Structures are given as structure tokens and as C-alpha cells.
Amino acid sequence: MEKTIEEKVAQTILQQSEEMTIGGKTYTIAPPSVATLILVSGGVSRLPHLHLDEDKVIEETLSVAKDCQELGDIAATLILGAKHINDIVESRHTEKKRHLWGLFSTKHTVVKYETKKERLSRELLEDTTPRDLHNIIAQTLLKMQVGDFFGLTTFLTEINLMRPTKVETEVIASGQ
């Protein structure tokens, strides 16, 4: 069921979390916050700074892809929000170990602790298509009130530029 404009505006004003379904899995998107935008900005700054040749899209993309693991971190940060990226989660899985040339085997449970951001980033990179990852990042950024953040930072930068930087306290005679 499609939401009305009024419902979307109310959800944004109240900063309610929203759900997004990508690849059959539903993610709960955290409400927008300045801290989340700052963390995403840091992630974007760690992406490779290359100008891709449009005539060689495949070759250029494949040469840069190895350095783009940060895309998973950016998407995970946008989904979880700044408050929950460092929450620790526990994962358990069973490993089978073989002994005496495979004649005997034992099973034991391995417990691994990682942050929610690490886990979600890995899941997104392993399980989603490039198109789905693009949609997650683009749609979430549209809801993050980036324009308001830009306006705030621009306003504060202008104030900083207009303030006096040096105050003269004594009269300087000409020629000195």
C-alpha cells in the first residue's frame, strides 16, 4: 500500500524508522541524524578518487572495484544510523574438524563477536546486487535531509568568513 504525502511528511517530522525491502530481505532504516551524515561523509571520503573513462566502463570499474569495500560500510551506516553501528552482536556457527586422515570428525561451536556495522556491511556486499546497493544508498540519502545539512554548514561557513580576524589596537603612522 502506497503512503500518502501527509503520511510521509509526518513520518519524516517524527523521525520514525522506515522499512525498505531489498532482495527479499527487509531492512529497518534509522531516522536521519547529523552524526549519521558525518559518518557517511567520512566513508565517502575513503572511496577511491578516480575519473572513470566512459569508453572503457567494464575495465575501469573492475580496476576500481577492489578498493570499494567501503560501499558496504556506507550502506550499513545509512541503514543502522550512528547510534547502533558499534553495537556488538554474537554469531555462532558449527565447524567440523577431521582427525586421522578423515576417519574421525568432531564438531564444535565457534562464537564470533562483531559490530552490527561489520555484519550488515558484509551481508550487503555478499547478498545484494550492485543495483540494489545503489538503491539502498540513493533512497536513504534522499531521506536524510542532506539539503538542510548543507544549508546549515554553508550558513556557518559564511559566518566564519565574515567575522573579523585581526583587530588593530594602536595607530600606525604612515611611512613606518
C-alpha atoms as a PDB file:
ATOM      1  CA  MET A   1       0.000   0.000   0.000  1.00  0.00           C
ATOM      2  CA  GLU A   2       1.432   3.380  -1.084  1.00  0.00           C
ATOM      3  CA  LYS A   3       1.690   6.043   1.607  1.00  0.00           C
ATOM      4  CA  THR A   4       0.146   9.469   1.128  1.00  0.00           C
ATOM      5  CA  ILE A   5       2.293  12.591   1.106  1.00  0.00           C
ATOM      6  CA  GLU A   6       0.919  13.544   4.505  1.00  0.00           C
ATOM      7  CA  GLU A   7       1.958  10.186   5.990  1.00  0.00           C
ATOM      8  CA  LYS A   8       5.473  10.536   4.547  1.00  0.00           C
ATOM      9  CA  VAL A   9       5.827  14.079   5.905  1.00  0.00           C
ATOM     10  CA  ALA A  10       4.576  13.015   9.341  1.00  0.00           C
ATOM     11  CA  GLN A  11       6.987  10.092   9.381  1.00  0.00           C
ATOM     12  CA  THR A  12       9.891  12.413   8.488  1.00  0.00           C
ATOM     13  CA  ILE A  13       8.942  15.062  11.064  1.00  0.00           C
ATOM     14  CA  LEU A  14       8.520  12.466  13.823  1.00  0.00           C
ATOM     15  CA  GLN A  15      11.779  10.806  12.716  1.00  0.00           C
ATOM     16  CA  GLN A  16      10.241   7.364  12.660  1.00  0.00           C
ATOM     17  CA  SER A  17      12.233   4.465  11.280  1.00  0.00           C
ATOM     18  CA  GLU A  18      11.207   3.168   7.893  1.00  0.00           C
ATOM     19  CA  GLU A  19      11.400  -0.240   6.254  1.00  0.00           C
ATOM     20  CA  MET A  20      12.983  -0.997   2.884  1.00  0.00           C
ATOM     21  CA  THR A  21      12.829  -4.386   1.174  1.00  0.00           C
ATOM     22  CA  ILE A  22      15.819  -5.268  -0.982  1.00  0.00           C
ATOM     23  CA  GLY A  23      16.372  -8.703  -2.479  1.00  0.00           C
ATOM     24  CA  GLY A  24      13.645 -10.299  -0.376  1.00  0.00           C
ATOM     25  CA  LYS A  25      15.125  -9.022   2.891  1.00  0.00           C
ATOM     26  CA  THR A  26      13.559  -6.166   4.867  1.00  0.00           C
ATOM     27  CA  TYR A  27      15.829  -3.586   6.482  1.00  0.00           C
ATOM     28  CA  THR A  28      14.706  -1.039   9.070  1.00  0.00           C
ATOM     29  CA  ILE A  29      16.212   2.325   8.160  1.00  0.00           C
ATOM     30  CA  ALA A  30      17.190   4.504  11.115  1.00  0.00           C
ATOM     31  CA  PRO A  31      15.802   8.044  11.295  1.00  0.00           C
ATOM     32  CA  PRO A  32      18.095  10.747   9.886  1.00  0.00           C
ATOM     33  CA  SER A  33      20.695  12.300  12.165  1.00  0.00           C
ATOM     34  CA  VAL A  34      23.637  14.652  11.777  1.00  0.00           C
ATOM     35  CA  ALA A  35      26.005  12.040  13.230  1.00  0.00           C
ATOM     36  CA  THR A  36      24.958   9.549  10.542  1.00  0.00           C
ATOM     37  CA  LEU A  37      25.627  12.106   7.790  1.00  0.00           C
ATOM     38  CA  ILE A  38      29.057  12.835   9.248  1.00  0.00           C
ATOM     39  CA  LEU A  39      29.961   9.131   9.347  1.00  0.00           C
ATOM     40  CA  VAL A  40      28.701   8.619   5.774  1.00  0.00           C
ATOM     41  CA  SER A  41      30.751  11.619   4.649  1.00  0.00           C
ATOM     42  CA  GLY A  42      33.842  10.008   6.172  1.00  0.00           C
ATOM     43  CA  GLY A  43      33.074   6.768   4.335  1.00  0.00           C
ATOM     44  CA  VAL A  44      32.633   8.580   1.031  1.00  0.00           C
ATOM     45  CA  SER A  45      35.998  10.308   1.533  1.00  0.00           C
ATOM     46  CA  ARG A  46      37.661   6.875   1.768  1.00  0.00           C
ATOM     47  CA  LEU A  47      36.379   5.814  -1.661  1.00  0.00           C
ATOM     48  CA  PRO A  48      38.972   5.941  -4.463  1.00  0.00           C
ATOM     49  CA  HIS A  49      39.189   9.302  -6.255  1.00  0.00           C
ATOM     50  CA  LEU A  50      39.380   8.293  -9.883  1.00  0.00           C
ATOM     51  CA  HIS A  51      37.883   9.645 -13.054  1.00  0.00           C
ATOM     52  CA  LEU A  52      36.448   6.712 -14.990  1.00  0.00           C
ATOM     53  CA  ASP A  53      36.735   6.616 -18.767  1.00  0.00           C
ATOM     54  CA  GLU A  54      33.236   6.214 -20.202  1.00  0.00           C
ATOM     55  CA  ASP A  55      34.559   4.333 -23.236  1.00  0.00           C
ATOM     56  CA  LYS A  56      36.019   1.573 -21.050  1.00  0.00           C
ATOM     57  CA  VAL A  57      33.327   1.174 -18.390  1.00  0.00           C
ATOM     58  CA  ILE A  58      33.922  -2.506 -17.654  1.00  0.00           C
ATOM     59  CA  GLU A  59      37.714  -2.303 -17.462  1.00  0.00           C
ATOM     60  CA  GLU A  60      37.679   0.861 -15.354  1.00  0.00           C
ATOM     61  CA  THR A  61      35.022  -0.485 -12.991  1.00  0.00           C
ATOM     62  CA  LEU A  62      36.854  -3.755 -12.453  1.00  0.00           C
ATOM     63  CA  SER A  63      40.136  -1.956 -11.784  1.00  0.00           C
ATOM     64  CA  VAL A  64      38.491   0.207  -9.085  1.00  0.00           C
ATOM     65  CA  ALA A  65      36.129  -2.390  -7.542  1.00  0.00           C
ATOM     66  CA  LYS A  66      38.806  -3.861  -5.255  1.00  0.00           C
ATOM     67  CA  ASP A  67      39.019  -0.529  -3.414  1.00  0.00           C
ATOM     68  CA  CYS A  68      35.255  -0.071  -2.977  1.00  0.00           C
ATOM     69  CA  GLN A  69      34.536  -2.264   0.026  1.00  0.00           C
ATOM     70  CA  GLU A  70      33.652   0.995   1.739  1.00  0.00           C
ATOM     71  CA  LEU A  71      30.320   0.931  -0.154  1.00  0.00           C
ATOM     72  CA  GLY A  72      29.066  -1.764   2.205  1.00  0.00           C
ATOM     73  CA  ASP A  73      30.094   0.329   5.217  1.00  0.00           C
ATOM     74  CA  ILE A  74      28.323   3.399   3.803  1.00  0.00           C
ATOM     75  CA  ALA A  75      25.099   1.463   3.196  1.00  0.00           C
ATOM     76  CA  ALA A  76      25.294  -0.198   6.634  1.00  0.00           C
ATOM     77  CA  THR A  77      25.817   3.183   8.319  1.00  0.00           C
ATOM     78  CA  LEU A  78      22.819   4.655   6.492  1.00  0.00           C
ATOM     79  CA  ILE A  79      20.614   1.713   7.492  1.00  0.00           C
ATOM     80  CA  LEU A  80      21.693   1.404  11.133  1.00  0.00           C
ATOM     81  CA  GLY A  81      22.280   5.062  11.932  1.00  0.00           C
ATOM     82  CA  ALA A  82      25.108   6.407  14.062  1.00  0.00           C
ATOM     83  CA  LYS A  83      23.629   5.162  17.341  1.00  0.00           C
ATOM     84  CA  HIS A  84      23.761   1.462  16.516  1.00  0.00           C
ATOM     85  CA  ILE A  85      26.771   0.866  14.279  1.00  0.00           C
ATOM     86  CA  ASN A  86      29.047  -0.094  17.167  1.00  0.00           C
ATOM     87  CA  ASP A  87      26.603  -2.432  18.932  1.00  0.00           C
ATOM     88  CA  ILE A  88      28.184  -5.854  19.386  1.00  0.00           C
ATOM     89  CA  VAL A  89      26.422  -8.917  18.019  1.00  0.00           C
ATOM     90  CA  GLU A  90      27.286 -12.555  18.554  1.00  0.00           C
ATOM     91  CA  SER A  91      27.236 -15.118  15.786  1.00  0.00           C
ATOM     92  CA  ARG A  92      27.607 -18.849  16.280  1.00  0.00           C
ATOM     93  CA  HIS A  93      28.325 -21.487  13.729  1.00  0.00           C
ATOM     94  CA  THR A  94      29.371 -25.111  13.915  1.00  0.00           C
ATOM     95  CA  GLU A  95      32.674 -26.234  12.456  1.00  0.00           C
ATOM     96  CA  LYS A  96      33.549 -29.804  11.668  1.00  0.00           C
ATOM     97  CA  LYS A  97      37.153 -30.823  12.243  1.00  0.00           C
ATOM     98  CA  ARG A  98      38.594 -34.048  10.798  1.00  0.00           C
ATOM     99  CA  HIS A  99      41.236 -36.124  12.527  1.00  0.00           C
ATOM    100  CA  LEU A 100      43.400 -39.064  11.489  1.00  0.00           C
ATOM    101  CA  TRP A 101      43.115 -38.576   7.724  1.00  0.00           C
ATOM    102  CA  GLY A 102      39.365 -38.050   7.864  1.00  0.00           C
ATOM    103  CA  LEU A 103      38.467 -41.206   9.794  1.00  0.00           C
ATOM    104  CA  PHE A 104      37.125 -39.268  12.758  1.00  0.00           C
ATOM    105  CA  SER A 105      35.446 -35.919  12.945  1.00  0.00           C
ATOM    106  CA  THR A 106      34.385 -33.661  15.764  1.00  0.00           C
ATOM    107  CA  LYS A 107      32.010 -30.740  15.792  1.00  0.00           C
ATOM    108  CA  HIS A 108      32.431 -27.637  17.880  1.00  0.00           C
ATOM    109  CA  THR A 109      30.673 -24.297  18.025  1.00  0.00           C
ATOM    110  CA  VAL A 110      32.619 -21.172  17.156  1.00  0.00           C
ATOM    111  CA  VAL A 111      31.450 -17.880  18.640  1.00  0.00           C
ATOM    112  CA  LYS A 112      32.383 -14.701  16.814  1.00  0.00           C
ATOM    113  CA  TYR A 113      31.750 -11.162  18.045  1.00  0.00           C
ATOM    114  CA  GLU A 114      31.466  -8.289  15.601  1.00  0.00           C
ATOM    115  CA  THR A 115      29.759  -4.929  15.352  1.00  0.00           C
ATOM    116  CA  LYS A 116      26.374  -4.571  13.702  1.00  0.00           C
ATOM    117  CA  LYS A 117      28.004  -2.393  11.041  1.00  0.00           C
ATOM    118  CA  GLU A 118      30.590  -5.065  10.175  1.00  0.00           C
ATOM    119  CA  ARG A 119      27.953  -7.779   9.958  1.00  0.00           C
ATOM    120  CA  LEU A 120      25.485  -5.751   7.881  1.00  0.00           C
ATOM    121  CA  SER A 121      28.233  -4.442   5.606  1.00  0.00           C
ATOM    122  CA  ARG A 122      29.395  -7.994   4.890  1.00  0.00           C
ATOM    123  CA  GLU A 123      25.807  -9.169   4.296  1.00  0.00           C
ATOM    124  CA  LEU A 124      25.107  -6.306   1.904  1.00  0.00           C
ATOM    125  CA  LEU A 125      28.282  -6.874  -0.104  1.00  0.00           C
ATOM    126  CA  GLU A 126      27.745 -10.636  -0.291  1.00  0.00           C
ATOM    127  CA  ASP A 127      23.976 -10.823  -0.799  1.00  0.00           C
ATOM    128  CA  THR A 128      22.835  -7.749  -2.729  1.00  0.00           C
ATOM    129  CA  THR A 129      23.259  -6.854  -6.367  1.00  0.00           C
ATOM    130  CA  PRO A 130      25.019  -3.628  -7.382  1.00  0.00           C
ATOM    131  CA  ARG A 131      21.640  -2.196  -8.424  1.00  0.00           C
ATOM    132  CA  ASP A 132      20.099  -2.992  -5.026  1.00  0.00           C
ATOM    133  CA  LEU A 133      23.079  -1.497  -3.185  1.00  0.00           C
ATOM    134  CA  HIS A 134      22.755   1.635  -5.328  1.00  0.00           C
ATOM    135  CA  ASN A 135      19.041   1.852  -4.497  1.00  0.00           C
ATOM    136  CA  ILE A 136      19.687   1.444  -0.760  1.00  0.00           C
ATOM    137  CA  ILE A 137      22.245   4.248  -0.706  1.00  0.00           C
ATOM    138  CA  ALA A 138      20.369   6.602  -3.055  1.00  0.00           C
ATOM    139  CA  GLN A 139      16.927   6.212  -1.478  1.00  0.00           C
ATOM    140  CA  THR A 140      18.263   6.501   2.049  1.00  0.00           C
ATOM    141  CA  LEU A 141      20.326   9.594   1.236  1.00  0.00           C
ATOM    142  CA  LEU A 142      17.229  11.245  -0.234  1.00  0.00           C
ATOM    143  CA  LYS A 143      15.504  10.820   3.129  1.00  0.00           C
ATOM    144  CA  MET A 144      18.485  12.042   5.164  1.00  0.00           C
ATOM    145  CA  GLN A 145      17.700  15.769   4.825  1.00  0.00           C
ATOM    146  CA  VAL A 146      21.063  16.395   3.147  1.00  0.00           C
ATOM    147  CA  GLY A 147      19.861  19.754   1.818  1.00  0.00           C
ATOM    148  CA  ASP A 148      19.185  21.023   5.332  1.00  0.00           C
ATOM    149  CA  PHE A 149      22.611  19.839   6.495  1.00  0.00           C
ATOM    150  CA  PHE A 150      24.227  21.574   3.501  1.00  0.00           C
ATOM    151  CA  GLY A 151      22.327  24.773   4.291  1.00  0.00           C
ATOM    152  CA  LEU A 152      23.451  24.666   7.917  1.00  0.00           C
ATOM    153  CA  THR A 153      27.122  24.089   7.077  1.00  0.00           C
ATOM    154  CA  THR A 154      27.064  26.767   4.356  1.00  0.00           C
ATOM    155  CA  PHE A 155      25.452  29.267   6.727  1.00  0.00           C
ATOM    156  CA  LEU A 156      28.032  28.589   9.441  1.00  0.00           C
ATOM    157  CA  THR A 157      30.907  28.774   6.956  1.00  0.00           C
ATOM    158  CA  GLU A 158      29.696  32.193   5.767  1.00  0.00           C
ATOM    159  CA  ILE A 159      29.509  33.421   9.360  1.00  0.00           C
ATOM    160  CA  ASN A 160      33.058  32.216   9.918  1.00  0.00           C
ATOM    161  CA  LEU A 161      34.286  34.055   6.800  1.00  0.00           C
ATOM    162  CA  MET A 162      32.601  37.336   7.768  1.00  0.00           C
ATOM    163  CA  ARG A 163      33.968  37.593  11.317  1.00  0.00           C
ATOM    164  CA  PRO A 164      36.945  39.904  11.836  1.00  0.00           C
ATOM    165  CA  THR A 165      40.224  38.063  12.082  1.00  0.00           C
ATOM    166  CA  LYS A 166      42.513  40.802  13.444  1.00  0.00           C
ATOM    167  CA  VAL A 167      41.755  43.882  15.499  1.00  0.00           C
ATOM    168  CA  GLU A 168      44.135  46.848  15.351  1.00  0.00           C
ATOM    169  CA  THR A 169      44.581  48.434  18.778  1.00  0.00           C
ATOM    170  CA  GLU A 170      47.197  51.118  18.048  1.00  0.00           C
ATOM    171  CA  VAL A 171      47.518  53.730  15.362  1.00  0.00           C
ATOM    172  CA  ILE A 172      50.257  53.084  12.830  1.00  0.00           C
ATOM    173  CA  ALA A 173      51.922  56.214  11.440  1.00  0.00           C
ATOM    174  CA  SER A 174      52.280  56.320   7.699  1.00  0.00           C
ATOM    175  CA  GLY A 175      55.708  55.502   6.383  1.00  0.00           C
ATOM    176  CA  GLN A 176      56.559  53.086   9.134  1.00  0.00           C
END
